[in-house]
Amino acid sequence: MLRFAQYDSLRSACFTYLRNATLVAPRASGGFRPRAAEVPCMQISAQFPQRDIPSRHGGARASAFTTQIAILTLFAFLAGPTALIAQVAGPLTASRNPNYFKDANGTVLILNGSQTWNTLQDWGATGSVEKLDFDAFVKFLSAHGQNFTLLWTIELPKFCGLPLFEGSAPDLTAAPFPWLRTGPGTATDGGLKFDLRKFDQSFFDRLRARTQALNNAGIYVGVYLFTGEFLNVYRCSTDGYPYTGANNINGADDGYTAGRHGTGSITMTAPNAITAFQDAYVEKAIDTLNDLPNVLWIVSEEAPANSTWWNNHQIAHIRAYESRKAHQHPIGYAALIGSTDAILYNSDADWVAPEARISPNMSCGTGKPACKVNVNDSDHSYWEMWKETAQKNRNYAWENFMTGNQVLFMDPYIVYYLREKRNLCVSPTNDICSGPDKRWDNFRDNLGYILRYSRRLNLADVTPRSSLSSTGYCLAQTPPIGAEYLIYSPSGGSFTVDLSAMPPSRALAVEWFNPSTGTTVAGEPIPAGSPSHPFTPPFDQDAVLYLVDKAGHVASATQ
């Protein structure tokens, strides 16, 4: 008899693998072929339907566990941690499904993960920065089964009035910066003035080392070259901003004097002395990372609405400069404050992070490329998500995936955010903690669960098909042989699915997934053909249902 703890351990090892490895290997002639190492993981679901799973609460127990358990156990021991890492093959390029990128092997994929503010520069209150354990952060992403994050560059050496606490908004400092602080003279934050003609190589060494560490872990990274938001809302007369005249020795001046808003360095409408320094910095960053396959660029986030010339200038500049290099990486554009998402869709960016809570089925406009890969970042689209239930939070992630999009979580991670109990992380010092708040673990895990299911789908051909399910959320490809459906029910309960694409002579494998617990239940196969087949999840709350032709889904010969 297999105890529940043993079952959990085996299934956990299996699902850890599935989070980090592509499940389906297409045959050259089309069709489905599981990779040899993945067969045990697939068979654990097939061999243990719901009635055979050991019960925590008594009742049914396993009566006939097959030798696949032994195979799975052997696989779990032999694979080792490194075997669980999906290798990055890049740079990413557009696939024939405009909702997703593909890698250098032609594999179409999604990007899902957590991102946080202090992953490149260290932050801290009371004038002292607290060093981030970046290796721990990479392990944290991997532990939650994620494959995407961001590295932030905050423009301000001191940003003022970050609303971390009720009635108290501390000033925080950040370091390092791209330029040396050589003086002569003292900047407004009390440090030496910047020399914008001399780069601080340690900043770029850190940028490369951290990007490389993510690459080694199979994680893609969007590199923020600027932010914009901090200039928009967190300035003060002692912030030391390098492009303000009082803070550099090069004569560059954004015209800022006082107040929380000072965006002159990103709202110009033609090249000037500041853009020349910015362009040189961008080129240095590109030189530093161009050979790495896991890089995506992103210009800014939550910049003001009148920064469109500057954002478009940087998109064009990055594209032109990288065109002369060995590799070209996707370029991103995040939501502007006080503007519509149409600005993003009409730009020449390759990917976007909009303001809309749920991104559209297609993110197309007048730019080139016309359609963008859409990575919905809760930083811009789901403000105050910490006030909602775990189920509502999961709804946000799964509904975006079901509409053909990807998800980034603005994870407070180890920034102590006591206001409204946003992030009660462990043992804060200077408002930076020693460990993350586990209240967010279920949401973090669900980003990994989504990634796991994406790797089982033929992403080159699945499209949002809301009309096929009464829940309104379905990704599907519906050929007469090899159809597959992934359905999400935000509130659980009974629903119907149109399975008429395949004839009744074909059967569909059934798998239920519980996002609140991370458990999977295999159901009995069902015949295809019904235009309104009823389903009821075997658990409460939101539910995921995966249906696939028992012979396997159709795999595209080209991506």
Protein backbone atom coordinates (compact mmCIF):
# COMPACT_ATOMS: atom_id res chain seq x y z
CA MET A 1 0.00 0.00 0.00
CA LEU A 2 1.34 3.42 -0.93
CA ARG A 3 0.91 6.01 1.79
CA PHE A 4 -0.42 9.42 0.84
CA ALA A 5 2.87 11.10 1.75
CA GLN A 6 4.68 8.77 -0.68
CA TYR A 7 2.16 9.54 -3.41
CA ASP A 8 2.54 13.28 -2.76
CA SER A 9 6.32 13.01 -2.91
CA LEU A 10 6.30 11.11 -6.19
CA ARG A 11 3.73 13.35 -7.78
CA SER A 12 5.64 16.42 -6.61
CA ALA A 13 8.83 15.16 -8.22
CA CYS A 14 6.92 14.48 -11.41
CA PHE A 15 5.23 17.88 -11.51
CA THR A 16 8.47 19.67 -10.73
CA TYR A 17 9.84 18.08 -13.87
CA LEU A 18 6.78 18.95 -15.95
CA ARG A 19 7.01 22.59 -14.87
CA ASN A 20 10.50 22.82 -16.27
CA ALA A 21 10.51 20.62 -19.36
CA THR A 22 8.58 20.50 -22.61
CA LEU A 23 6.12 17.62 -22.45
CA VAL A 24 5.36 17.03 -26.10
CA ALA A 25 7.91 16.23 -28.78
CA PRO A 26 6.33 16.52 -32.26
CA ARG A 27 6.96 13.79 -34.77
CA ALA A 28 8.34 14.97 -38.09
CA SER A 29 5.11 13.83 -39.72
CA GLY A 30 2.93 15.50 -37.11
CA GLY A 31 1.21 13.96 -34.12
CA PHE A 32 2.30 13.27 -30.59
CA ARG A 33 5.28 11.58 -29.05
CA PRO A 34 6.20 11.86 -25.36
CA ARG A 35 9.87 12.26 -24.62
CA ALA A 36 11.22 9.04 -23.13
CA ALA A 37 12.20 10.61 -19.82
CA GLU A 38 8.70 12.07 -19.43
CA VAL A 39 6.73 8.86 -19.87
CA PRO A 40 6.71 8.06 -16.10
CA CYS A 41 5.38 11.51 -15.28
CA MET A 42 2.56 11.15 -17.76
CA GLN A 43 1.71 7.66 -16.55
CA ILE A 44 1.28 8.60 -12.92
CA SER A 45 -1.86 10.56 -13.82
CA ALA A 46 -3.12 7.86 -16.17
CA GLN A 47 -2.49 5.03 -13.70
CA PHE A 48 -4.13 6.69 -10.72
CA PRO A 49 -7.68 7.86 -11.41
CA GLN A 50 -9.43 9.62 -8.59
CA ARG A 51 -10.82 6.43 -7.05
CA ASP A 52 -7.30 4.97 -6.67
CA ILE A 53 -5.58 7.93 -5.06
CA PRO A 54 -4.85 7.24 -1.38
CA SER A 55 -7.17 9.24 0.81
CA ARG A 56 -6.05 11.56 3.58
CA HIS A 57 -9.43 11.02 5.22
CA GLY A 58 -9.84 7.26 4.97
CA GLY A 59 -12.06 5.60 2.38
CA ALA A 60 -10.69 4.37 -0.92
CA ARG A 61 -7.10 3.22 -0.98
CA ALA A 62 -4.88 2.15 -3.82
CA SER A 63 -5.38 -1.49 -4.62
CA ALA A 64 -3.21 -1.97 -7.70
CA PHE A 65 -0.33 0.42 -8.14
CA THR A 66 1.59 -0.52 -11.23
CA THR A 67 5.29 -0.76 -11.80
CA GLN A 68 5.14 2.81 -13.10
CA ILE A 69 5.63 3.93 -9.48
CA ALA A 70 8.99 2.21 -9.46
CA ILE A 71 9.85 3.82 -12.79
CA LEU A 72 8.83 7.24 -11.51
CA THR A 73 10.82 6.77 -8.33
CA LEU A 74 13.86 5.76 -10.33
CA PHE A 75 13.35 8.73 -12.64
CA ALA A 76 13.09 11.13 -9.69
CA PHE A 77 16.34 9.85 -8.21
CA LEU A 78 18.30 9.62 -11.46
CA ALA A 79 17.24 12.90 -12.97
CA GLY A 80 18.69 15.10 -10.24
CA PRO A 81 18.05 18.84 -9.95
CA THR A 82 19.89 19.81 -13.14
CA ALA A 83 17.71 17.53 -15.23
CA LEU A 84 14.67 19.52 -14.14
CA ILE A 85 15.91 22.74 -15.76
CA ALA A 86 14.52 23.66 -19.17
CA GLN A 87 17.47 24.94 -21.15
CA VAL A 88 17.13 28.36 -22.73
CA ALA A 89 17.45 28.35 -26.51
CA GLY A 90 17.30 31.86 -27.82
CA PRO A 91 17.01 34.63 -28.50
CA LEU A 92 13.23 34.48 -28.70
CA THR A 93 11.55 35.41 -31.97
CA ALA A 94 7.98 35.73 -33.21
CA SER A 95 6.16 32.45 -33.82
CA ARG A 96 3.40 31.96 -36.35
CA ASN A 97 0.96 32.26 -33.46
CA PRO A 98 1.28 36.00 -32.74
CA ASN A 99 0.36 35.52 -29.07
CA TYR A 100 3.60 33.70 -28.28
CA PHE A 101 7.33 33.72 -28.90
CA LYS A 102 9.31 30.70 -30.04
CA ASP A 103 12.85 29.77 -29.07
CA ALA A 104 15.79 28.92 -31.32
CA ASN A 105 14.63 25.29 -31.47
CA GLY A 106 11.25 26.34 -32.81
CA THR A 107 9.44 25.57 -29.54
CA VAL A 108 6.55 27.96 -28.96
CA LEU A 109 6.38 29.03 -25.32
CA ILE A 110 4.89 31.38 -22.78
CA LEU A 111 6.67 33.59 -20.24
CA ASN A 112 5.30 33.45 -16.68
CA GLY A 113 6.88 34.51 -13.43
CA SER A 114 7.44 36.80 -10.49
CA GLN A 115 9.39 40.03 -10.65
CA THR A 116 10.40 42.46 -7.96
CA TRP A 117 12.07 45.82 -7.65
CA ASN A 118 15.47 45.21 -6.07
CA THR A 119 16.81 42.39 -8.22
CA LEU A 120 19.57 44.40 -9.90
CA GLN A 121 20.16 47.31 -7.55
CA ASP A 122 20.17 46.88 -3.78
CA TRP A 123 17.62 48.89 -1.80
CA GLY A 124 17.37 50.09 1.78
CA ALA A 125 15.96 52.71 4.12
CA THR A 126 17.82 55.09 6.47
CA GLY A 127 20.52 55.60 3.85
CA SER A 128 21.74 51.99 3.96
CA VAL A 129 21.18 49.43 1.21
CA GLU A 130 20.62 45.76 2.04
CA LYS A 131 22.31 43.28 -0.28
CA LEU A 132 19.92 40.92 -2.11
CA ASP A 133 20.82 37.23 -2.10
CA PHE A 134 20.36 36.81 -5.84
CA ASP A 135 21.12 33.09 -5.85
CA ALA A 136 18.24 32.65 -3.39
CA PHE A 137 15.97 34.67 -5.69
CA VAL A 138 16.83 32.45 -8.68
CA LYS A 139 16.11 29.33 -6.59
CA PHE A 140 12.85 30.93 -5.46
CA LEU A 141 11.72 31.38 -9.08
CA SER A 142 12.68 27.82 -9.95
CA ALA A 143 10.98 26.41 -6.85
CA HIS A 144 7.70 27.94 -8.04
CA GLY A 145 8.17 26.54 -11.54
CA GLN A 146 8.52 29.94 -13.24
CA ASN A 147 10.50 30.92 -16.34
CA PHE A 148 10.39 34.74 -16.50
CA THR A 149 11.35 37.73 -14.36
CA LEU A 150 12.55 41.32 -14.71
CA LEU A 151 15.71 43.14 -13.68
CA TRP A 152 14.90 46.72 -12.68
CA THR A 153 17.10 49.80 -13.02
CA ILE A 154 15.78 52.56 -10.76
CA GLU A 155 16.91 56.00 -11.98
CA LEU A 156 17.02 57.69 -8.59
CA PRO A 157 19.85 57.17 -6.05
CA LYS A 158 17.24 58.17 -3.48
CA PHE A 159 13.52 57.84 -4.13
CA CYS A 160 11.28 59.69 -1.78
CA GLY A 161 8.05 58.80 -0.03
CA LEU A 162 7.57 55.13 -1.00
CA PRO A 163 4.21 54.28 0.64
CA LEU A 164 5.29 51.19 2.56
CA PHE A 165 3.48 52.05 5.80
CA GLU A 166 0.21 53.61 6.89
CA GLY A 167 0.83 57.32 7.46
CA SER A 168 4.57 56.92 6.87
CA ALA A 169 6.37 56.93 3.56
CA PRO A 170 10.12 56.40 3.96
CA ASP A 171 12.85 57.47 1.57
CA LEU A 172 14.85 54.56 0.15
CA THR A 173 18.25 54.48 -1.51
CA ALA A 174 19.43 52.28 -4.37
CA ALA A 175 22.86 51.23 -5.68
CA PRO A 176 24.86 50.66 -7.85
CA PHE A 177 24.40 52.93 -10.88
CA PRO A 178 25.70 52.78 -14.45
CA TRP A 179 28.11 55.73 -14.01
CA LEU A 180 30.99 56.50 -11.70
CA ARG A 181 30.57 59.12 -9.00
CA THR A 182 33.87 60.93 -9.39
CA GLY A 183 33.09 64.53 -8.52
CA PRO A 184 34.33 67.16 -8.27
CA GLY A 185 31.48 68.40 -6.20
CA THR A 186 28.66 66.88 -4.20
CA ALA A 187 25.29 65.84 -5.59
CA THR A 188 22.01 66.62 -3.86
CA ASP A 189 21.87 63.20 -2.18
CA GLY A 190 25.23 63.84 -0.48
CA GLY A 191 27.34 61.63 -2.75
CA LEU A 192 29.87 62.74 -5.34
CA LYS A 193 28.54 64.03 -8.63
CA PHE A 194 28.25 61.58 -11.54
CA ASP A 195 30.51 61.61 -14.58
CA LEU A 196 28.13 60.51 -17.35
CA ARG A 197 31.05 59.78 -19.65
CA LYS A 198 32.51 57.14 -17.33
CA PHE A 199 30.67 53.90 -16.80
CA ASP A 200 30.85 51.99 -13.53
CA GLN A 201 31.92 48.58 -14.82
CA SER A 202 30.78 46.89 -11.61
CA PHE A 203 27.16 47.76 -12.49
CA PHE A 204 27.45 46.06 -15.89
CA ASP A 205 29.35 43.12 -14.41
CA ARG A 206 26.48 42.61 -11.99
CA LEU A 207 23.95 42.95 -14.81
CA ARG A 208 25.71 40.24 -16.79
CA ALA A 209 26.29 37.92 -13.84
CA ARG A 210 22.65 38.02 -12.80
CA THR A 211 21.38 37.58 -16.34
CA GLN A 212 23.75 34.63 -16.74
CA ALA A 213 22.56 33.09 -13.47
CA LEU A 214 18.96 33.28 -14.69
CA ASN A 215 19.99 31.78 -18.02
CA ASN A 216 21.68 28.88 -16.25
CA ALA A 217 18.42 28.24 -14.38
CA GLY A 218 16.34 28.24 -17.58
CA ILE A 219 14.74 31.61 -16.84
CA TYR A 220 14.18 34.42 -19.33
CA VAL A 221 14.64 38.00 -18.15
CA GLY A 222 13.21 41.31 -19.23
CA VAL A 223 15.86 43.97 -18.64
CA TYR A 224 14.43 47.36 -17.72
CA LEU A 225 16.78 49.92 -19.24
CA PHE A 226 14.81 52.69 -17.51
CA THR A 227 11.66 52.77 -15.41
CA GLY A 228 9.92 56.16 -15.71
CA GLU A 229 7.54 55.59 -12.81
CA PHE A 230 10.03 56.76 -10.19
CA LEU A 231 10.63 60.03 -12.06
CA ASN A 232 6.88 60.41 -12.27
CA VAL A 233 6.01 60.10 -8.57
CA TYR A 234 9.03 59.65 -6.25
CA ARG A 235 11.31 62.61 -6.86
CA CYS A 236 12.54 65.08 -4.24
CA SER A 237 15.11 67.87 -4.10
CA THR A 238 17.71 65.53 -2.53
CA ASP A 239 17.28 62.52 -4.85
CA GLY A 240 20.67 62.84 -6.61
CA TYR A 241 19.21 62.02 -10.05
CA PRO A 242 22.16 61.77 -12.49
CA TYR A 243 20.47 63.76 -15.30
CA THR A 244 19.69 66.77 -13.12
CA GLY A 245 22.33 69.48 -13.56
CA ALA A 246 23.27 69.66 -9.89
CA ASN A 247 24.21 65.95 -9.87
CA ASN A 248 26.62 65.51 -12.81
CA ILE A 249 29.78 67.19 -14.07
CA ASN A 250 28.82 67.01 -17.74
CA GLY A 251 26.30 69.82 -18.10
CA ALA A 252 23.29 67.56 -18.68
CA ASP A 253 20.19 69.00 -17.04
CA ASP A 254 16.57 67.84 -17.06
CA GLY A 255 15.41 71.14 -15.56
CA TYR A 256 14.14 69.65 -12.30
CA THR A 257 14.14 71.83 -9.17
CA ALA A 258 11.64 70.44 -6.67
CA GLY A 259 8.50 68.34 -6.20
CA ARG A 260 7.52 64.69 -6.64
CA HIS A 261 7.36 64.91 -10.43
CA GLY A 262 10.39 65.51 -12.65
CA THR A 263 10.31 63.83 -16.05
CA GLY A 264 12.22 66.22 -18.29
CA SER A 265 14.76 63.51 -19.15
CA ILE A 266 12.09 61.32 -20.81
CA THR A 267 9.60 63.80 -22.26
CA MET A 268 11.72 65.47 -24.91
CA THR A 269 10.44 65.41 -28.51
CA ALA A 270 13.81 65.39 -30.28
CA PRO A 271 17.36 64.19 -29.54
CA ASN A 272 19.31 66.34 -27.11
CA ALA A 273 22.30 66.13 -24.78
CA ILE A 274 20.47 63.80 -22.39
CA THR A 275 19.39 61.34 -25.08
CA ALA A 276 23.02 61.14 -26.20
CA PHE A 277 24.06 59.98 -22.72
CA GLN A 278 21.07 57.64 -22.50
CA ASP A 279 21.85 56.10 -25.89
CA ALA A 280 25.45 55.46 -24.86
CA TYR A 281 24.24 53.71 -21.69
CA VAL A 282 21.78 51.56 -23.66
CA GLU A 283 24.53 50.55 -26.08
CA LYS A 284 26.77 49.58 -23.17
CA ALA A 285 23.98 47.38 -21.76
CA ILE A 286 23.47 45.75 -25.16
CA ASP A 287 27.21 45.13 -25.51
CA THR A 288 27.13 43.51 -22.08
CA LEU A 289 24.25 41.08 -22.77
CA ASN A 290 23.96 40.62 -26.53
CA ASP A 291 25.38 37.09 -26.60
CA LEU A 292 23.00 35.74 -23.92
CA PRO A 293 19.92 33.90 -25.21
CA ASN A 294 17.50 34.65 -22.33
CA VAL A 295 17.35 38.43 -22.74
CA LEU A 296 14.33 40.58 -23.57
CA TRP A 297 14.63 44.36 -23.45
CA ILE A 298 12.00 46.67 -22.02
CA VAL A 299 12.34 50.45 -22.22
CA SER A 300 10.25 51.75 -19.32
CA GLU A 301 7.16 51.26 -17.18
CA GLU A 302 4.51 53.72 -16.02
CA ALA A 303 6.27 56.63 -17.66
CA PRO A 304 4.11 59.71 -18.30
CA ALA A 305 1.78 59.87 -21.30
CA ASN A 306 3.95 62.53 -22.95
CA SER A 307 6.99 60.23 -23.06
CA THR A 308 5.91 58.49 -26.27
CA TRP A 309 8.57 60.11 -28.49
CA TRP A 310 11.27 59.04 -26.06
CA ASN A 311 9.96 55.47 -25.71
CA ASN A 312 9.67 55.11 -29.49
CA HIS A 313 13.15 56.57 -29.90
CA GLN A 314 14.61 53.94 -27.58
CA ILE A 315 12.73 51.09 -29.28
CA ALA A 316 14.14 52.21 -32.64
CA HIS A 317 17.58 52.78 -31.17
CA ILE A 318 17.77 49.33 -29.56
CA ARG A 319 16.60 47.66 -32.77
CA ALA A 320 19.07 49.56 -34.95
CA TYR A 321 22.02 48.96 -32.62
CA GLU A 322 21.31 45.25 -32.17
CA SER A 323 20.83 44.80 -35.92
CA ARG A 324 24.60 45.19 -36.24
CA LYS A 325 25.21 42.59 -33.54
CA ALA A 326 25.23 38.80 -33.60
CA HIS A 327 21.83 38.55 -31.88
CA GLN A 328 18.59 40.49 -31.77
CA HIS A 329 16.31 40.29 -28.74
CA PRO A 330 12.62 41.18 -28.33
CA ILE A 331 11.91 44.76 -27.24
CA GLY A 332 9.15 45.57 -24.76
CA TYR A 333 7.00 48.57 -23.85
CA ALA A 334 5.00 48.78 -20.62
CA ALA A 335 1.93 50.79 -19.68
CA LEU A 336 2.07 54.57 -19.62
CA ILE A 337 0.38 56.59 -16.88
CA GLY A 338 -2.58 58.57 -18.20
CA SER A 339 -2.65 56.95 -21.63
CA THR A 340 -4.37 54.02 -23.32
CA ASP A 341 -2.95 50.62 -24.19
CA ALA A 342 -3.44 51.48 -27.87
CA ILE A 343 -0.17 53.44 -27.65
CA LEU A 344 1.62 50.18 -26.89
CA TYR A 345 -0.17 48.20 -29.60
CA ASN A 346 0.54 50.88 -32.22
CA SER A 347 4.25 51.01 -31.36
CA ASP A 348 7.11 49.03 -32.90
CA ALA A 349 7.66 46.98 -29.72
CA ASP A 350 7.70 43.18 -29.94
CA TRP A 351 6.00 42.64 -26.58
CA VAL A 352 3.90 44.75 -24.27
CA ALA A 353 2.77 44.92 -20.64
CA PRO A 354 -0.58 46.77 -20.70
CA GLU A 355 -2.80 48.42 -18.12
CA ALA A 356 -5.88 46.27 -18.87
CA ARG A 357 -6.66 43.76 -16.11
CA ILE A 358 -7.33 41.02 -18.66
CA SER A 359 -5.46 41.44 -21.92
CA PRO A 360 -7.29 41.04 -25.24
CA ASN A 361 -7.23 37.82 -27.30
CA MET A 362 -4.96 39.59 -29.78
CA SER A 363 -2.78 42.64 -29.16
CA CYS A 364 -2.53 44.20 -32.61
CA GLY A 365 -2.14 47.74 -33.89
CA THR A 366 -0.47 49.83 -36.56
CA GLY A 367 3.14 49.25 -35.57
CA LYS A 368 5.69 46.74 -36.78
CA PRO A 369 5.23 43.97 -35.86
CA ALA A 370 1.50 44.53 -36.05
CA CYS A 371 0.69 42.06 -33.28
CA LYS A 372 2.53 41.94 -29.97
CA VAL A 373 3.19 39.22 -27.45
CA ASN A 374 1.23 40.36 -24.39
CA VAL A 375 2.72 39.80 -20.92
CA ASN A 376 0.15 41.11 -18.46
CA ASP A 377 2.09 42.49 -15.49
CA SER A 378 0.08 42.92 -12.28
CA ASP A 379 2.28 45.94 -11.52
CA HIS A 380 0.27 47.92 -14.07
CA SER A 381 -2.99 45.98 -14.36
CA TYR A 382 -3.92 44.62 -10.93
CA TRP A 383 -3.27 47.32 -8.37
CA GLU A 384 -4.32 46.36 -4.85
CA MET A 385 -4.58 42.67 -5.68
CA TRP A 386 -3.52 42.08 -2.09
CA LYS A 387 -6.99 43.19 -0.99
CA GLU A 388 -8.67 40.34 -2.87
CA THR A 389 -8.97 36.62 -2.14
CA ALA A 390 -6.53 33.98 -3.31
CA GLN A 391 -9.20 32.70 -5.70
CA LYS A 392 -9.70 36.16 -7.24
CA ASN A 393 -5.93 36.43 -7.63
CA ARG A 394 -5.85 33.05 -9.41
CA ASN A 395 -8.72 34.16 -11.64
CA TYR A 396 -6.54 37.01 -12.89
CA ALA A 397 -3.68 34.70 -13.88
CA TRP A 398 -5.70 31.89 -15.46
CA GLU A 399 -8.10 34.21 -17.30
CA ASN A 400 -5.17 36.01 -18.89
CA PHE A 401 -3.65 32.70 -19.96
CA MET A 402 -6.97 31.54 -21.40
CA THR A 403 -7.19 34.69 -23.50
CA GLY A 404 -3.83 33.97 -25.12
CA ASN A 405 -1.59 35.97 -22.82
CA GLN A 406 1.13 35.57 -20.22
CA VAL A 407 1.49 36.85 -16.66
CA LEU A 408 4.07 38.64 -14.54
CA PHE A 409 3.44 39.07 -10.83
CA MET A 410 4.67 42.28 -9.18
CA ASP A 411 5.93 40.22 -6.27
CA PRO A 412 6.91 42.31 -3.23
CA TYR A 413 9.26 39.41 -2.35
CA ILE A 414 11.49 40.82 0.44
CA VAL A 415 10.41 44.49 0.43
CA TYR A 416 8.58 45.03 3.72
CA TYR A 417 5.22 46.53 2.68
CA LEU A 418 3.21 46.80 5.89
CA ARG A 419 0.60 49.18 4.47
CA GLU A 420 -2.65 47.25 4.02
CA LYS A 421 -0.62 44.12 4.87
CA ARG A 422 0.62 43.86 1.31
CA ASN A 423 3.80 41.99 2.20
CA LEU A 424 4.56 40.84 5.74
CA CYS A 425 7.91 39.33 4.91
CA VAL A 426 10.42 37.92 7.39
CA SER A 427 12.74 39.90 9.71
CA PRO A 428 12.93 43.32 8.00
CA THR A 429 16.06 45.46 8.30
CA ASN A 430 15.95 48.90 6.68
CA ASP A 431 12.63 47.75 5.17
CA ILE A 432 14.26 44.78 3.39
CA CYS A 433 13.47 41.30 4.71
CA SER A 434 15.44 38.07 5.01
CA GLY A 435 12.70 35.97 3.38
CA PRO A 436 9.43 36.33 1.44
CA ASP A 437 5.87 36.39 2.73
CA LYS A 438 4.43 32.92 2.09
CA ARG A 439 0.89 34.24 1.76
CA TRP A 440 1.68 34.70 -1.94
CA ASP A 441 2.97 31.15 -2.49
CA ASN A 442 -0.25 29.80 -3.99
CA PHE A 443 -0.31 32.55 -6.58
CA ARG A 444 3.39 32.09 -7.30
CA ASP A 445 2.79 28.35 -7.73
CA ASN A 446 -0.11 28.98 -10.10
CA LEU A 447 2.18 30.87 -12.46
CA GLY A 448 4.22 27.67 -12.56
CA TYR A 449 1.12 25.52 -12.98
CA ILE A 450 0.07 27.61 -15.97
CA LEU A 451 3.51 27.20 -17.47
CA ARG A 452 3.30 23.45 -16.95
CA TYR A 453 0.01 23.23 -18.84
CA SER A 454 1.29 25.52 -21.59
CA ARG A 455 4.03 22.96 -22.26
CA ARG A 456 1.43 20.26 -22.80
CA LEU A 457 -0.47 22.31 -25.38
CA ASN A 458 0.46 22.80 -28.99
CA LEU A 459 0.87 26.55 -28.56
CA ALA A 460 1.53 27.07 -32.25
CA ASP A 461 -2.09 26.24 -32.98
CA VAL A 462 -4.19 26.74 -29.86
CA THR A 463 -6.25 29.91 -29.78
CA PRO A 464 -8.69 31.44 -27.29
CA ARG A 465 -12.09 29.86 -27.99
CA SER A 466 -14.43 31.31 -25.39
CA SER A 467 -17.52 30.08 -27.25
CA LEU A 468 -16.59 26.43 -26.74
CA SER A 469 -17.15 26.52 -22.97
CA SER A 470 -19.96 27.94 -20.90
CA THR A 471 -17.26 29.26 -18.54
CA GLY A 472 -16.07 31.63 -21.29
CA TYR A 473 -12.43 30.56 -20.85
CA CYS A 474 -10.98 27.98 -23.22
CA LEU A 475 -7.78 27.47 -25.20
CA ALA A 476 -8.19 24.89 -27.94
CA GLN A 477 -7.19 23.46 -31.26
CA THR A 478 -10.04 21.56 -32.92
CA PRO A 479 -8.98 19.39 -35.87
CA PRO A 480 -11.11 16.26 -36.50
CA ILE A 481 -8.25 14.14 -35.12
CA GLY A 482 -5.95 15.26 -32.30
CA ALA A 483 -8.08 18.00 -30.70
CA GLU A 484 -7.26 19.42 -27.29
CA TYR A 485 -9.03 21.78 -24.90
CA LEU A 486 -7.91 23.57 -21.75
CA ILE A 487 -10.85 25.07 -19.87
CA TYR A 488 -10.90 27.30 -16.80
CA SER A 489 -13.88 27.69 -14.52
CA PRO A 490 -13.26 30.78 -12.34
CA SER A 491 -15.84 29.84 -9.71
CA GLY A 492 -16.02 26.07 -10.14
CA GLY A 493 -19.40 24.40 -10.47
CA SER A 494 -20.90 22.61 -13.45
CA PHE A 495 -20.30 23.78 -17.01
CA THR A 496 -20.44 22.52 -20.59
CA VAL A 497 -17.90 22.18 -23.40
CA ASP A 498 -18.53 21.87 -27.14
CA LEU A 499 -16.66 18.72 -28.23
CA SER A 500 -18.20 18.44 -31.70
CA ALA A 501 -14.92 19.03 -33.56
CA MET A 502 -14.10 15.32 -33.40
CA PRO A 503 -16.55 12.49 -34.19
CA PRO A 504 -18.03 10.32 -31.39
CA SER A 505 -15.79 7.45 -32.50
CA ARG A 506 -12.84 9.26 -30.92
CA ALA A 507 -12.21 9.47 -27.20
CA LEU A 508 -10.82 12.24 -25.04
CA ALA A 509 -8.58 11.79 -21.99
CA VAL A 510 -9.82 13.80 -19.00
CA GLU A 511 -7.69 15.54 -16.39
CA TRP A 512 -8.85 17.87 -13.64
CA PHE A 513 -6.53 20.30 -11.92
CA ASN A 514 -7.23 22.12 -8.66
CA PRO A 515 -5.42 25.50 -8.64
CA SER A 516 -6.05 26.02 -4.94
CA THR A 517 -4.17 22.85 -3.93
CA GLY A 518 -2.02 22.00 -6.95
CA THR A 519 -3.52 18.51 -7.20
CA THR A 520 -4.45 16.65 -10.36
CA VAL A 521 -7.24 14.09 -10.77
CA ALA A 522 -7.49 11.84 -13.83
CA GLY A 523 -11.05 11.14 -14.97
CA GLU A 524 -12.46 8.40 -17.14
CA PRO A 525 -12.10 8.96 -20.91
CA ILE A 526 -15.17 10.34 -22.65
CA PRO A 527 -16.41 10.18 -26.26
CA ALA A 528 -16.02 13.25 -28.45
CA GLY A 529 -18.81 14.60 -30.63
CA SER A 530 -21.18 16.30 -28.18
CA PRO A 531 -21.90 20.00 -28.83
CA SER A 532 -22.59 20.50 -25.10
CA HIS A 533 -20.93 17.92 -22.87
CA PRO A 534 -21.55 18.54 -19.15
CA PHE A 535 -18.74 18.54 -16.60
CA THR A 536 -18.64 18.97 -12.83
CA PRO A 537 -15.28 19.43 -11.07
CA PRO A 538 -14.51 16.88 -8.32
CA PHE A 539 -13.60 19.71 -5.92
CA ASP A 540 -14.75 23.19 -4.87
CA GLN A 541 -13.49 26.62 -5.97
CA ASP A 542 -11.94 27.36 -9.37
CA ALA A 543 -11.06 24.45 -11.64
CA VAL A 544 -8.99 23.60 -14.71
CA LEU A 545 -10.02 20.85 -17.14
CA TYR A 546 -7.65 19.42 -19.76
CA LEU A 547 -9.16 17.31 -22.54
CA VAL A 548 -7.06 15.76 -25.28
CA ASP A 549 -7.58 13.12 -27.95
CA LYS A 550 -6.46 9.83 -26.36
CA ALA A 551 -4.13 9.31 -29.32
CA GLY A 552 -2.44 12.62 -28.52
CA HIS A 553 -2.86 16.14 -29.82
CA VAL A 554 -1.85 17.32 -33.26
CA ALA A 555 1.65 18.79 -33.21
CA SER A 556 2.64 21.31 -35.85
CA ALA A 557 5.48 20.48 -38.21
CA THR A 558 6.40 24.19 -38.30
CA GLN A 559 6.11 26.77 -35.57
